[in-house]
Amino acid sequence: MSVMTAPLAEQTKREPLDSFSLRGNHAHVFARAADVDLAIWCAAFGDSHKDFAYYQLIEETMTTGFTYRYLLLLDEKQNAIALQPLIIVDQDLAATTRSTIARAVAFVRKAWARFLRTRMLMAGCLVGDHKPGVIAPANPKHAAALLAEALMIYARRQKISLVSLKDFPAKMRAELTPFVRANYTRLASFPPLMLDLNFASFDEYMQTRLSRTTRKGLRRKLRETAESSPPITMEVLSNCTEVIDEIYPLYLQVADRAPVEFEIFSREYFLEAGKRLQDRHRYFIWRRGGKAIAFSFCTIWQNAIYDNDIGLDYAVAHELNLYYLTFHDLIAWALEHGLTEYHCAPFNYDPKLHLRLVPVDVDLYVRHRSTIINAVLKLVAPWFAPANSDPALRRHQQKTELSPWKRFLKIVGNPWLQIAINAVIVTISELFLKVGARATAHLSHHFSWSGVTGLASVWTWLGIVCVILSLFSWLYILQHIPLSVAFPLSNSVHVLVPLTCWIFLGELISPRRWCGIALVLIGLLVVAKPFSRIEEKL
């Protein structure tokens, strides 16, 4: 019998902890994942690696500070509509705020320890993104409306003030509009990132996806790591029982250094993941001289690899460029095994964005049960939006959200590009001044010796305008680049002016002058090369 037509007695194994009505529909809350029939789990999350086995693993290995519940929505005929995992947690609302606000909150907490801390009812997954567990053929919007109502009712019955949906895909906003209509506030959460593996090798990825500067910098880092002694080796395991004492401390080193507080997986989580789900989990371990120095816990699902958690020995992590080594080896392994997508967890956005990983936008929906407090929450919540707390992520969002005109201005505002633009403007100004002077050379005036007659030509005035523009451009360049660097590079005008005079004015250039121009070009290359190397290392 199908899930949609089976009676409730056949759909659940145990009596629910709580039950209530929803506008002719019904809601039941269960204490354990196993209390809900496996067929319902398969119908709701069977196409995801975050399925029954995953939630049961989380429930049984992440026990400190979390209470897990499972909300089952049913229609008037007791047919399952949706299944939604829930978490009850004592939440620090300031955990993802910017540093300035975080310092202010810390100061207030010296006198009021519970400031911006509250019990929260959270719909979603403890770690990472989540999707609504709608069971076909139920209407997703109808299921979302019922879920929005059910969460508020259950929060009231549990005396919980704050309700949230954690990390739901932004591409599902249309389906989740009932939450906005129910006065939930939508905020941008920490996005995971992905990279499509539509290339044959890591070298092709670097050549086609990365900027010149990033590509050269990454090649240098990988070359330095490859030349280290003793050499670094990688092993791949499906069970970590024998190595847990080596890899778990590496994971804790990374978790303890995280700029934002997040859930730290227990030792048992890594152990049980390999024991229960060997077909989908892999433990990548990098060793040097037999000692584990890096670790990555990954999930293999369908055609994708999910880089869930990383561990590094910070005594050598920076020296050996371990983050970039692990990324290189995981991509190479994924390509070797025919995978087409690489996914990784949030945080550490700066290097990931430089490596051209694409953020996958996710949303956080939040509402307070009090109408008055919820109105205030709508005003202040954007200050606490998780995505706003990471500087690299803010810069990326500002860059992608720029209008074409602002994007153009940002490109033109590059001070290194301004050196080239300044040289062109100076060259044009010299051409205009020459044309203006030539056109007024026949004019007679008792101040002709001063060249003032040249002002009678419009070309002269265009040249003056260009001179003024070049002055402003030069001042901008000096604000960002040392004079000892900018001035030698600006001498490119000694090449451009003779060439443009030869092309546009018909002036002759002797062989000796051609040699001089060539020497200037060589000098410019000698000056520019060290600075390109500096840029490459950044």
Protein backbone atom coordinates (compact mmCIF):
# COMPACT_ATOMS: atom_id res chain seq x y z
CA MET A 1 0.00 0.00 0.00
CA SER A 2 1.36 3.45 -0.88
CA VAL A 3 2.33 6.01 1.71
CA MET A 4 -0.38 8.39 0.61
CA THR A 5 -3.18 5.86 1.10
CA ALA A 6 -1.98 3.94 4.13
CA PRO A 7 -3.87 4.67 7.36
CA LEU A 8 -1.96 6.29 10.21
CA ALA A 9 -1.87 3.04 12.16
CA GLU A 10 0.24 1.50 9.38
CA GLN A 11 2.35 4.62 8.86
CA THR A 12 3.77 4.96 12.36
CA LYS A 13 5.31 2.46 14.71
CA ARG A 14 4.63 4.26 18.00
CA GLU A 15 2.16 6.69 19.45
CA PRO A 16 3.11 10.34 18.90
CA LEU A 17 4.29 12.55 21.74
CA ASP A 18 1.81 15.23 20.72
CA SER A 19 -1.06 15.68 18.25
CA PHE A 20 -3.17 18.66 17.19
CA SER A 21 -5.48 19.81 14.40
CA LEU A 22 -4.66 22.22 11.53
CA ARG A 23 -7.66 23.60 9.64
CA GLY A 24 -9.10 20.16 8.93
CA ASN A 25 -5.65 18.56 8.72
CA HIS A 26 -3.64 16.90 11.45
CA ALA A 27 -0.14 17.05 12.92
CA HIS A 28 1.70 14.47 14.99
CA VAL A 29 5.05 14.91 16.72
CA PHE A 30 7.30 11.90 17.33
CA ALA A 31 10.30 11.56 19.62
CA ARG A 32 12.56 9.40 17.47
CA ALA A 33 13.24 9.02 13.76
CA ALA A 34 12.49 5.30 14.04
CA ASP A 35 8.98 6.05 15.35
CA VAL A 36 7.97 7.16 11.84
CA ASP A 37 7.51 4.44 9.25
CA LEU A 38 10.44 3.97 6.89
CA ALA A 39 8.11 4.26 3.88
CA ILE A 40 7.29 7.83 4.91
CA TRP A 41 10.98 8.64 5.24
CA CYS A 42 11.62 7.22 1.78
CA ALA A 43 8.76 9.23 0.27
CA ALA A 44 9.94 12.47 1.91
CA PHE A 45 13.75 12.22 1.72
CA GLY A 46 14.51 9.15 -0.38
CA ASP A 47 16.22 11.24 -3.07
CA SER A 48 18.65 12.85 -0.60
CA HIS A 49 21.67 11.62 1.33
CA LYS A 50 20.07 13.30 4.35
CA ASP A 51 17.52 10.52 4.77
CA PHE A 52 16.29 8.35 7.63
CA ALA A 53 19.71 6.79 8.22
CA TYR A 54 21.34 10.23 8.36
CA TYR A 55 18.85 11.75 10.82
CA GLN A 56 18.96 8.64 12.99
CA LEU A 57 22.76 8.90 13.03
CA ILE A 58 22.58 12.56 14.09
CA GLU A 59 19.94 11.81 16.72
CA GLU A 60 21.98 9.05 18.35
CA THR A 61 25.47 10.60 18.21
CA MET A 62 24.80 14.34 18.73
CA THR A 63 22.96 14.26 22.03
CA THR A 64 24.41 17.10 24.10
CA GLY A 65 22.30 20.27 24.01
CA PHE A 66 19.79 19.09 21.41
CA THR A 67 16.31 17.63 21.57
CA TYR A 68 15.07 16.02 18.36
CA ARG A 69 11.47 15.77 17.22
CA TYR A 70 9.79 14.72 13.97
CA LEU A 71 6.66 16.50 12.76
CA LEU A 72 4.33 14.53 10.50
CA LEU A 73 1.56 16.41 8.67
CA LEU A 74 -1.52 14.53 7.50
CA ASP A 75 -4.65 15.44 5.57
CA GLU A 76 -8.23 14.89 6.68
CA LYS A 77 -8.04 11.25 5.47
CA GLN A 78 -4.92 10.63 7.57
CA ASN A 79 -2.67 10.48 4.49
CA ALA A 80 0.89 11.76 4.97
CA ILE A 81 1.55 15.19 3.43
CA ALA A 82 5.01 16.09 4.74
CA LEU A 83 7.63 15.04 7.27
CA GLN A 84 9.75 17.67 8.99
CA PRO A 85 12.66 16.97 11.39
CA LEU A 86 12.76 19.44 14.30
CA ILE A 87 15.42 20.47 16.79
CA ILE A 88 14.89 22.20 20.13
CA VAL A 89 18.03 24.04 21.17
CA ASP A 90 19.18 26.80 23.48
CA GLN A 91 20.30 29.25 20.79
CA ASP A 92 22.81 32.11 20.96
CA LEU A 93 21.21 34.69 18.66
CA ALA A 94 24.43 36.70 18.47
CA ALA A 95 26.59 33.79 17.29
CA THR A 96 26.66 35.03 13.70
CA THR A 97 26.77 38.79 14.22
CA ARG A 98 29.51 41.10 13.01
CA SER A 99 32.43 41.71 15.36
CA THR A 100 31.25 45.17 16.45
CA ILE A 101 27.81 43.93 17.50
CA ALA A 102 29.35 40.79 19.04
CA ARG A 103 31.55 42.91 21.29
CA ALA A 104 28.55 44.96 22.40
CA VAL A 105 26.60 41.78 23.16
CA ALA A 106 29.51 40.35 25.15
CA PHE A 107 29.64 43.53 27.21
CA VAL A 108 25.90 43.35 28.03
CA ARG A 109 26.21 39.66 28.97
CA LYS A 110 28.58 40.54 31.78
CA ALA A 111 25.52 41.80 33.62
CA TRP A 112 22.79 39.77 31.87
CA ALA A 113 24.06 36.30 30.95
CA ARG A 114 20.90 35.30 29.03
CA PHE A 115 20.92 38.37 26.80
CA LEU A 116 20.06 37.28 23.22
CA ARG A 117 19.88 33.63 24.27
CA THR A 118 16.62 31.73 23.99
CA ARG A 119 15.11 28.32 23.45
CA MET A 120 14.40 27.88 19.76
CA LEU A 121 12.31 25.44 17.78
CA MET A 122 14.24 24.83 14.59
CA ALA A 123 12.94 23.08 11.49
CA GLY A 124 15.69 21.59 9.39
CA CYS A 125 18.97 19.75 9.69
CA LEU A 126 21.39 20.26 12.57
CA VAL A 127 24.28 20.90 10.16
CA GLY A 128 24.03 22.09 6.57
CA ASP A 129 21.16 22.80 4.27
CA HIS A 130 17.78 21.06 4.29
CA LYS A 131 14.76 20.70 2.05
CA PRO A 132 11.06 20.38 2.91
CA GLY A 133 10.03 16.75 3.19
CA VAL A 134 6.90 17.12 1.06
CA ILE A 135 5.36 13.81 0.02
CA ALA A 136 3.99 13.65 -3.53
CA PRO A 137 1.37 14.40 -4.74
CA ALA A 138 0.88 16.97 -1.97
CA ASN A 139 1.00 20.63 -3.02
CA PRO A 140 4.30 22.15 -1.75
CA LYS A 141 2.72 25.54 -0.95
CA HIS A 142 -0.14 23.91 0.92
CA ALA A 143 2.34 21.79 2.88
CA ALA A 144 4.41 24.92 3.68
CA ALA A 145 1.31 26.75 4.95
CA LEU A 146 0.45 23.82 7.22
CA LEU A 147 4.05 23.62 8.45
CA ALA A 148 4.14 27.35 9.27
CA GLU A 149 0.97 26.95 11.35
CA ALA A 150 2.07 23.67 12.98
CA LEU A 151 5.42 25.10 14.11
CA MET A 152 3.74 27.98 15.91
CA ILE A 153 1.22 25.69 17.61
CA TYR A 154 3.88 23.25 18.76
CA ALA A 155 6.14 26.10 19.94
CA ARG A 156 3.27 27.46 22.05
CA ARG A 157 2.58 24.03 23.54
CA GLN A 158 6.27 23.68 24.41
CA LYS A 159 6.49 27.26 25.72
CA ILE A 160 9.14 28.15 23.13
CA SER A 161 9.18 31.76 21.94
CA LEU A 162 11.28 31.66 18.77
CA VAL A 163 10.73 29.49 15.70
CA SER A 164 12.97 29.17 12.66
CA LEU A 165 13.51 27.26 9.44
CA LYS A 166 17.23 26.63 9.01
CA ASP A 167 19.03 26.75 5.67
CA PHE A 168 16.26 26.07 3.16
CA PRO A 169 17.32 26.48 -0.51
CA ALA A 170 16.73 29.98 -1.86
CA LYS A 171 15.52 28.45 -5.13
CA MET A 172 12.46 27.21 -3.20
CA ARG A 173 11.33 30.68 -2.13
CA ALA A 174 8.21 30.47 -4.29
CA GLU A 175 7.14 27.28 -2.52
CA LEU A 176 7.88 28.80 0.88
CA THR A 177 5.97 32.07 0.42
CA PRO A 178 3.36 30.89 2.99
CA PHE A 179 6.02 31.48 5.66
CA VAL A 180 6.47 35.10 4.59
CA ARG A 181 2.69 35.55 4.61
CA ALA A 182 2.66 34.04 8.10
CA ASN A 183 4.99 36.88 9.25
CA TYR A 184 8.22 34.91 9.27
CA THR A 185 11.28 37.03 8.45
CA ARG A 186 13.53 35.65 5.72
CA LEU A 187 17.29 36.15 6.13
CA ALA A 188 20.28 35.09 4.07
CA SER A 189 22.06 32.24 5.84
CA PHE A 190 25.58 30.84 5.40
CA PRO A 191 25.57 29.32 1.90
CA PRO A 192 27.34 26.05 1.12
CA LEU A 193 29.42 26.10 -2.04
CA MET A 194 29.70 23.92 -5.11
CA LEU A 195 31.87 23.40 -8.16
CA ASP A 196 30.74 21.60 -11.29
CA LEU A 197 33.44 19.18 -12.39
CA ASN A 198 32.97 19.80 -16.08
CA PHE A 199 36.66 19.44 -16.91
CA ALA A 200 39.00 16.54 -17.59
CA SER A 201 41.75 17.31 -15.08
CA PHE A 202 42.77 19.63 -12.29
CA ASP A 203 45.14 21.40 -14.68
CA GLU A 204 42.24 22.10 -17.03
CA TYR A 205 40.24 23.43 -14.09
CA MET A 206 43.02 25.85 -13.20
CA GLN A 207 43.49 26.94 -16.79
CA THR A 208 39.80 27.53 -17.56
CA ARG A 209 38.29 28.57 -14.23
CA LEU A 210 40.89 30.52 -12.25
CA SER A 211 42.27 33.99 -12.75
CA ARG A 212 45.89 34.27 -13.82
CA THR A 213 46.98 35.45 -10.38
CA THR A 214 45.08 32.73 -8.49
CA ARG A 215 46.23 30.06 -10.95
CA LYS A 216 49.91 30.93 -10.57
CA GLY A 217 49.62 31.23 -6.81
CA LEU A 218 47.91 27.83 -6.52
CA ARG A 219 50.49 26.15 -8.75
CA ARG A 220 53.28 27.60 -6.64
CA LYS A 221 51.66 26.35 -3.41
CA LEU A 222 51.09 22.84 -4.80
CA ARG A 223 54.65 22.72 -6.17
CA GLU A 224 56.11 23.70 -2.79
CA THR A 225 54.02 21.04 -1.07
CA ALA A 226 55.00 18.35 -3.59
CA GLU A 227 58.69 19.17 -3.04
CA SER A 228 58.45 18.87 0.75
CA SER A 229 60.31 16.08 2.50
CA PRO A 230 59.23 13.58 3.66
CA PRO A 231 56.55 13.33 0.96
CA ILE A 232 52.83 13.56 1.75
CA THR A 233 50.63 10.56 0.95
CA MET A 234 46.84 10.13 0.90
CA GLU A 235 44.71 7.15 1.89
CA VAL A 236 40.95 6.68 1.52
CA LEU A 237 38.94 4.64 4.04
CA SER A 238 35.26 3.76 4.38
CA ASN A 239 35.59 3.12 8.13
CA CYS A 240 37.58 5.18 10.62
CA THR A 241 37.58 2.87 13.64
CA GLU A 242 41.32 2.29 13.55
CA VAL A 243 42.28 5.92 12.89
CA ILE A 244 39.72 7.89 14.93
CA ASP A 245 42.28 8.80 17.59
CA GLU A 246 44.46 10.37 14.90
CA ILE A 247 41.85 12.25 12.88
CA TYR A 248 39.42 13.52 15.51
CA PRO A 249 42.00 15.85 17.16
CA LEU A 250 42.68 17.32 13.69
CA TYR A 251 38.97 18.03 13.27
CA LEU A 252 38.84 19.70 16.70
CA GLN A 253 41.76 21.97 15.77
CA VAL A 254 39.75 23.39 12.87
CA ALA A 255 36.49 23.53 14.86
CA ASP A 256 38.15 25.41 17.73
CA ARG A 257 39.55 28.04 15.34
CA ALA A 258 36.27 28.70 13.53
CA PRO A 259 35.33 32.40 13.64
CA VAL A 260 31.64 31.47 14.08
CA GLU A 261 30.28 29.03 16.64
CA PHE A 262 28.72 25.97 15.08
CA GLU A 263 27.85 22.43 16.10
CA ILE A 264 30.90 20.29 16.78
CA PHE A 265 30.44 16.68 15.78
CA SER A 266 31.09 14.08 18.44
CA ARG A 267 33.70 11.35 18.16
CA GLU A 268 30.88 8.82 17.98
CA TYR A 269 29.39 10.59 14.94
CA PHE A 270 32.49 9.91 12.82
CA LEU A 271 32.76 6.35 14.11
CA GLU A 272 29.12 5.43 13.52
CA ALA A 273 28.94 7.12 10.12
CA GLY A 274 31.52 4.68 8.80
CA LYS A 275 30.03 1.65 10.50
CA ARG A 276 26.44 2.26 9.40
CA LEU A 277 26.87 3.90 6.01
CA GLN A 278 30.11 2.61 4.52
CA ASP A 279 28.63 2.81 1.03
CA ARG A 280 28.30 6.61 1.13
CA HIS A 281 31.02 7.92 3.47
CA ARG A 282 34.75 8.24 2.84
CA TYR A 283 37.58 9.31 5.15
CA PHE A 284 40.46 10.95 3.29
CA ILE A 285 43.66 11.04 5.36
CA TRP A 286 46.93 12.76 4.44
CA ARG A 287 50.12 11.56 6.14
CA ARG A 288 53.67 12.82 6.32
CA GLY A 289 56.25 10.47 7.68
CA GLY A 290 53.44 8.19 8.85
CA LYS A 291 51.75 10.92 10.90
CA ALA A 292 48.25 12.12 10.02
CA ILE A 293 48.40 15.85 9.23
CA ALA A 294 45.07 16.38 7.42
CA PHE A 295 41.68 14.74 7.26
CA SER A 296 38.47 15.17 5.26
CA PHE A 297 35.15 13.45 5.89
CA CYS A 298 33.13 13.20 2.67
CA THR A 299 29.82 11.85 1.48
CA ILE A 300 29.48 10.27 -1.95
CA TRP A 301 25.92 10.52 -3.23
CA GLN A 302 24.80 9.86 -6.79
CA ASN A 303 27.16 11.92 -8.98
CA ALA A 304 28.48 14.27 -6.28
CA ILE A 305 31.06 14.40 -3.52
CA TYR A 306 30.21 16.40 -0.38
CA ASP A 307 33.25 17.66 1.49
CA ASN A 308 31.61 17.80 4.92
CA ASP A 309 34.32 18.29 7.51
CA ILE A 310 38.03 18.96 7.46
CA GLY A 311 40.80 18.52 10.00
CA LEU A 312 44.27 20.05 9.86
CA ASP A 313 47.44 19.90 11.92
CA TYR A 314 48.05 23.63 12.33
CA ALA A 315 51.66 23.02 13.30
CA VAL A 316 52.35 22.42 9.59
CA ALA A 317 49.09 23.43 7.85
CA HIS A 318 50.26 26.81 6.56
CA GLU A 319 53.80 25.73 5.78
CA LEU A 320 52.57 22.80 3.67
CA ASN A 321 49.50 24.57 2.22
CA LEU A 322 47.35 21.70 3.45
CA TYR A 323 44.01 23.30 2.63
CA TYR A 324 44.95 23.63 -1.05
CA LEU A 325 46.50 20.16 -1.11
CA THR A 326 43.32 18.54 0.24
CA PHE A 327 41.21 20.47 -2.26
CA HIS A 328 43.44 19.40 -5.15
CA ASP A 329 43.44 15.74 -4.12
CA LEU A 330 39.67 15.58 -3.54
CA ILE A 331 38.93 17.10 -6.96
CA ALA A 332 41.41 14.73 -8.63
CA TRP A 333 39.85 11.74 -6.81
CA ALA A 334 36.33 12.84 -7.79
CA LEU A 335 37.32 13.17 -11.45
CA GLU A 336 38.99 9.76 -11.37
CA HIS A 337 35.74 8.22 -10.06
CA GLY A 338 33.50 9.94 -12.59
CA LEU A 339 31.80 12.40 -10.22
CA THR A 340 30.42 15.60 -11.73
CA GLU A 341 29.85 17.88 -8.71
CA TYR A 342 31.89 18.95 -5.69
CA HIS A 343 30.04 20.40 -2.71
CA CYS A 344 31.56 21.81 0.45
CA ALA A 345 30.33 23.20 3.73
CA PRO A 346 30.02 26.91 4.57
CA PHE A 347 32.73 29.10 6.14
CA ASN A 348 36.31 29.83 5.05
CA TYR A 349 34.80 31.71 2.13
CA ASP A 350 37.81 33.78 1.07
CA PRO A 351 39.95 30.98 -0.46
CA LYS A 352 36.87 29.12 -1.74
CA LEU A 353 35.62 32.13 -3.66
CA HIS A 354 39.08 32.69 -5.15
CA LEU A 355 38.97 29.05 -6.27
CA ARG A 356 35.72 29.92 -8.09
CA LEU A 357 33.44 27.80 -5.94
CA VAL A 358 29.88 29.06 -6.30
CA PRO A 359 27.79 29.86 -3.20
CA VAL A 360 24.44 28.07 -3.18
CA ASP A 361 22.09 30.55 -1.50
CA VAL A 362 20.08 29.30 1.46
CA ASP A 363 17.53 31.11 3.60
CA LEU A 364 16.75 31.27 7.27
CA TYR A 365 13.13 31.98 8.26
CA VAL A 366 12.46 33.21 11.79
CA ARG A 367 9.43 34.31 13.79
CA HIS A 368 8.66 35.16 17.41
CA ARG A 369 5.35 34.04 18.88
CA SER A 370 4.69 37.51 20.29
CA THR A 371 3.18 39.83 17.66
CA ILE A 372 4.86 42.90 19.16
CA ILE A 373 8.28 41.30 19.54
CA ASN A 374 7.98 39.79 16.06
CA ALA A 375 7.41 43.29 14.62
CA VAL A 376 10.63 44.45 16.30
CA LEU A 377 12.37 41.30 15.11
CA LYS A 378 11.60 42.19 11.50
CA LEU A 379 13.47 45.46 11.98
CA VAL A 380 16.55 44.18 13.80
CA ALA A 381 16.90 40.70 12.29
CA PRO A 382 18.83 41.88 9.19
CA TRP A 383 21.64 43.01 11.51
CA PHE A 384 21.95 39.41 12.69
CA ALA A 385 21.66 37.76 9.27
CA PRO A 386 24.38 35.07 9.15
CA ALA A 387 25.52 35.92 5.62
CA ASN A 388 26.28 39.51 6.69
CA SER A 389 28.80 38.43 9.33
CA ASP A 390 31.44 37.12 6.92
CA PRO A 391 33.52 39.88 5.21
CA ALA A 392 34.50 37.76 2.20
CA LEU A 393 30.90 36.74 1.63
CA ARG A 394 29.73 40.35 1.91
CA ARG A 395 32.28 41.46 -0.67
CA HIS A 396 31.20 38.68 -3.01
CA GLN A 397 27.53 39.57 -2.65
CA GLN A 398 28.23 43.25 -3.25
CA LYS A 399 30.24 42.37 -6.35
CA THR A 400 27.56 40.10 -7.81
CA GLU A 401 24.78 42.56 -6.99
CA LEU A 402 26.46 45.55 -8.70
CA SER A 403 24.64 47.16 -11.60
CA PRO A 404 26.46 47.06 -14.97
CA TRP A 405 27.43 50.73 -14.54
CA LYS A 406 28.82 50.21 -11.02
CA ARG A 407 30.62 47.08 -12.16
CA PHE A 408 32.20 49.11 -14.97
CA LEU A 409 33.29 51.81 -12.51
CA LYS A 410 34.78 49.17 -10.22
CA ILE A 411 36.84 47.77 -13.08
CA VAL A 412 38.00 51.19 -14.24
CA GLY A 413 38.88 52.07 -10.65
CA ASN A 414 41.61 49.45 -10.57
CA PRO A 415 44.75 51.59 -9.94
CA TRP A 416 46.94 49.35 -12.15
CA LEU A 417 44.50 49.80 -15.01
CA GLN A 418 44.47 53.52 -14.27
CA ILE A 419 48.20 53.70 -15.09
CA ALA A 420 47.43 52.47 -18.60
CA ILE A 421 44.42 54.78 -18.91
CA ASN A 422 46.47 57.72 -17.70
CA ALA A 423 49.15 57.03 -20.32
CA VAL A 424 46.52 56.93 -23.06
CA ILE A 425 44.93 60.21 -21.86
CA VAL A 426 48.32 61.94 -21.76
CA THR A 427 49.07 60.68 -25.28
CA ILE A 428 45.72 61.98 -26.57
CA SER A 429 46.27 65.34 -24.87
CA GLU A 430 49.65 65.72 -26.60
CA LEU A 431 48.06 64.92 -29.97
CA PHE A 432 45.28 67.47 -29.45
CA LEU A 433 47.73 70.16 -28.32
CA LYS A 434 49.94 69.51 -31.35
CA VAL A 435 46.98 69.71 -33.76
CA GLY A 436 45.77 72.92 -32.06
CA ALA A 437 49.23 74.52 -32.21
CA ARG A 438 49.67 73.56 -35.87
CA ALA A 439 46.23 74.98 -36.78
CA THR A 440 47.02 78.38 -35.18
CA ALA A 441 50.67 78.73 -36.19
CA HIS A 442 49.80 81.29 -38.93
CA LEU A 443 48.10 83.69 -36.48
CA SER A 444 50.06 86.83 -35.65
CA HIS A 445 49.98 88.49 -32.23
CA HIS A 446 52.47 90.46 -30.18
CA PHE A 447 52.28 87.62 -27.58
CA SER A 448 52.72 84.89 -30.23
CA TRP A 449 56.06 83.97 -28.63
CA SER A 450 54.13 82.67 -25.59
CA GLY A 451 51.99 80.28 -27.64
CA VAL A 452 48.82 81.99 -26.46
CA THR A 453 47.48 82.02 -30.01
CA GLY A 454 47.02 78.29 -29.71
CA LEU A 455 44.00 78.93 -27.49
CA ALA A 456 42.10 79.99 -30.60
CA SER A 457 41.76 76.33 -31.60
CA VAL A 458 39.15 73.96 -30.18
CA TRP A 459 41.76 71.16 -30.39
CA THR A 460 43.89 73.03 -27.87
CA TRP A 461 40.99 73.21 -25.42
CA LEU A 462 40.31 69.48 -25.86
CA GLY A 463 43.97 68.90 -25.08
CA ILE A 464 43.69 71.03 -21.93
CA VAL A 465 40.65 68.99 -20.80
CA CYS A 466 42.64 65.80 -21.28
CA VAL A 467 45.54 67.25 -19.28
CA ILE A 468 43.16 67.99 -16.39
CA LEU A 469 41.69 64.48 -16.59
CA SER A 470 45.17 62.97 -16.57
CA LEU A 471 45.99 65.01 -13.45
CA PHE A 472 42.99 63.62 -11.57
CA SER A 473 43.82 60.12 -12.76
CA TRP A 474 47.42 60.52 -11.61
CA LEU A 475 46.36 61.71 -8.16
CA TYR A 476 44.09 58.62 -7.87
CA ILE A 477 46.99 56.35 -8.88
CA LEU A 478 49.27 57.88 -6.24
CA GLN A 479 46.64 57.20 -3.56
CA HIS A 480 46.97 53.45 -4.20
CA ILE A 481 50.39 52.76 -5.71
CA PRO A 482 53.85 53.88 -4.49
CA LEU A 483 55.39 56.68 -6.55
CA SER A 484 58.55 54.60 -7.05
CA VAL A 485 56.37 52.06 -8.87
CA ALA A 486 53.86 54.32 -10.62
CA PHE A 487 56.29 56.82 -12.10
CA PRO A 488 58.49 54.35 -14.03
CA LEU A 489 55.37 52.64 -15.43
CA SER A 490 53.91 56.01 -16.47
CA ASN A 491 56.87 56.46 -18.81
CA SER A 492 55.04 54.30 -21.32
CA VAL A 493 53.96 57.67 -22.78
CA HIS A 494 57.50 57.91 -24.21
CA VAL A 495 56.55 54.97 -26.40
CA LEU A 496 52.92 55.86 -27.10
CA VAL A 497 53.48 59.51 -28.10
CA PRO A 498 56.07 58.84 -30.86
CA LEU A 499 54.03 55.94 -32.22
CA THR A 500 50.77 57.94 -32.40
CA CYS A 501 52.60 60.90 -33.97
CA TRP A 502 54.01 58.57 -36.60
CA ILE A 503 50.57 57.01 -37.27
CA PHE A 504 48.25 60.04 -37.07
CA LEU A 505 50.49 63.06 -37.78
CA GLY A 506 52.86 61.53 -40.29
CA GLU A 507 55.97 62.46 -38.31
CA LEU A 508 59.07 60.48 -39.18
CA ILE A 509 60.93 58.33 -36.67
CA SER A 510 64.58 57.67 -37.38
CA PRO A 511 66.19 54.25 -36.80
CA ARG A 512 68.02 55.68 -33.80
CA ARG A 513 64.72 56.81 -32.27
CA TRP A 514 63.20 53.36 -32.95
CA CYS A 515 66.09 51.91 -30.95
CA GLY A 516 65.35 54.36 -28.15
CA ILE A 517 61.69 53.35 -28.11
CA ALA A 518 62.72 49.67 -27.93
CA LEU A 519 65.01 50.42 -24.98
CA VAL A 520 62.14 52.19 -23.17
CA LEU A 521 59.93 49.12 -23.74
CA ILE A 522 62.61 46.85 -22.32
CA GLY A 523 62.96 49.13 -19.31
CA LEU A 524 59.22 49.04 -18.70
CA LEU A 525 59.26 45.23 -18.77
CA VAL A 526 62.16 45.14 -16.31
CA VAL A 527 60.28 47.46 -13.94
CA ALA A 528 56.91 45.70 -14.30
CA LYS A 529 58.05 42.09 -13.87
CA PRO A 530 58.88 42.21 -10.11
CA PHE A 531 55.49 43.73 -9.37
CA SER A 532 53.67 41.02 -11.32
CA ARG A 533 55.46 38.48 -9.11
CA ILE A 534 54.33 40.32 -5.99
CA GLU A 535 50.73 40.24 -7.25
CA GLU A 536 51.09 36.54 -7.99
CA LYS A 537 52.08 35.76 -4.40
CA LEU A 538 49.17 37.59 -2.83
